[in-house]
Protein backbone atom coordinates (compact mmCIF):
# COMPACT_ATOMS: atom_id res chain seq x y z
CA LYS A 1 0.01 0.01 -0.01
CA LEU A 2 2.85 2.34 0.79
CA SER A 3 4.50 1.80 -2.63
CA ILE A 4 1.19 2.63 -4.39
CA LEU A 5 0.90 5.86 -2.36
CA ASN A 6 4.52 6.79 -3.16
CA SER A 7 3.89 6.09 -6.85
CA LYS A 8 0.84 8.34 -6.83
CA LEU A 9 2.71 11.12 -5.09
CA ASN A 10 5.57 10.83 -7.59
CA ASN A 11 3.13 10.99 -10.51
CA ARG A 12 1.49 14.10 -9.08
CA ARG A 13 4.90 15.69 -8.41
CA GLU A 14 5.97 15.05 -12.00
CA ILE A 15 2.69 16.55 -13.36
CA CYS A 16 3.13 19.59 -11.12
CA ILE A 17 6.81 20.08 -12.31
CA GLN A 18 5.67 19.71 -15.94
CA THR A 19 2.89 22.26 -15.46
CA MET A 20 5.31 24.68 -13.80
CA ARG A 21 7.76 24.24 -16.65
CA GLU A 22 5.09 24.90 -19.24
CA GLU A 23 3.95 28.02 -17.44
CA GLU A 24 7.53 29.23 -17.22
CA ILE A 25 8.13 28.58 -20.94
CA GLU A 26 4.86 30.41 -21.81
CA ARG A 27 5.98 33.34 -19.66
CA LEU A 28 9.28 33.48 -21.58
CA ARG A 29 7.42 33.37 -24.87
CA GLY A 30 5.46 36.40 -23.61
CA VAL A 31 8.67 38.13 -22.78
CA VAL A 32 9.91 37.56 -26.33
CA ARG A 33 6.73 38.95 -27.81
CA ASP A 34 6.92 41.95 -25.43
CA CYS A 35 10.56 42.67 -26.43
CA VAL A 36 9.71 42.50 -30.10
CA SER A 37 6.73 44.82 -29.70
CA LYS A 38 9.04 47.28 -27.93
CA HIS A 39 11.77 46.87 -30.64
CA LEU A 40 14.20 45.40 -28.07
CA TYR A 41 15.51 42.91 -30.60
CA SER A 42 18.66 41.89 -28.82
CA SER A 43 16.69 40.99 -25.74
CA ALA A 44 14.06 39.12 -27.87
CA ILE A 45 16.91 37.18 -29.54
CA PHE A 46 18.31 36.23 -26.09
CA PHE A 47 15.03 35.00 -24.68
CA ALA A 48 13.92 33.35 -27.90
CA ASP A 49 17.16 31.42 -27.96
CA LYS A 50 16.45 30.13 -24.41
CA VAL A 51 12.93 29.07 -25.30
CA ALA A 52 13.94 27.32 -28.50
CA ALA A 53 16.76 25.54 -26.70
CA ILE A 54 14.39 24.25 -23.97
CA THR A 55 11.54 23.15 -26.25
CA SER A 56 12.91 22.52 -29.80
CA ASP A 57 9.39 23.32 -30.91
CA PRO A 58 9.15 24.49 -34.57
CA ALA A 59 7.05 27.48 -33.53
CA ASP A 60 9.74 28.52 -31.03
CA ILE A 61 12.46 28.09 -33.64
CA TYR A 62 10.45 30.26 -35.98
CA MET A 63 10.02 32.85 -33.26
CA GLN A 64 13.83 32.83 -32.68
CA ALA A 65 14.51 33.20 -36.42
CA GLN A 66 12.04 36.03 -36.65
CA ALA A 67 13.71 37.79 -33.70
CA LEU A 68 17.02 37.35 -35.41
CA TYR A 69 15.70 38.66 -38.67
CA LEU A 70 14.15 41.76 -36.97
CA GLY A 71 17.51 42.35 -35.19
CA ARG A 72 19.12 42.32 -38.68
CA HIS A 73 21.02 39.04 -38.04
CA TYR A 74 20.01 37.73 -41.38
CA ARG A 75 22.74 35.12 -41.83
CA ARG A 76 22.12 33.66 -38.35
CA ALA A 77 18.33 33.57 -39.01
CA PHE A 78 18.87 31.84 -42.38
CA HIS A 79 21.23 29.26 -40.80
CA LEU A 80 18.79 28.53 -38.04
CA LEU A 81 15.89 28.08 -40.51
CA ASN A 82 17.98 25.76 -42.82
CA ALA A 83 19.33 23.74 -39.88
CA SER A 84 15.78 23.00 -38.63
CA GLN A 85 14.86 21.06 -41.85
CA ILE A 86 11.30 22.40 -41.39
CA VAL A 87 12.14 24.90 -44.04
CA LEU A 88 11.42 22.19 -46.60
CA ARG A 89 7.88 21.57 -45.29
CA ASP A 90 6.60 24.86 -43.87
CA LEU A 91 5.84 27.86 -46.05
CA ARG A 92 6.41 30.36 -43.22
CA PHE A 93 9.93 29.11 -42.75
CA ARG A 94 10.69 29.26 -46.47
CA TYR A 95 9.32 32.72 -46.78
CA LEU A 96 11.40 34.03 -43.84
CA ALA A 97 14.47 32.23 -45.24
CA ALA A 98 13.94 33.96 -48.58
CA LYS A 99 13.60 37.31 -46.84
CA CYS A 100 16.94 36.70 -45.09
CA LEU A 101 18.60 36.37 -48.55
CA GLU A 102 17.30 39.65 -49.89
């Protein structure tokens, strides 16, 4: 009985940690959007890099590439988009990669 109780506590703890992590990541995404809206591109690049490194989510990689593009780091943005291999499947990625080459 004790092992079942410990197992349930561990599961709840893991769910709580995962929820906290998701909330923190979402908060960081908000910071990136806020920095972009205030034209603080170097800060947006910094935080977008952290989010993309944590999640490896294509949407976060795109957000990072967009921040790099807005900060006039065209070569870095292009390299990030090409390295993700999503550029071959997603039109948004292809369009931003083409804009980087202008």
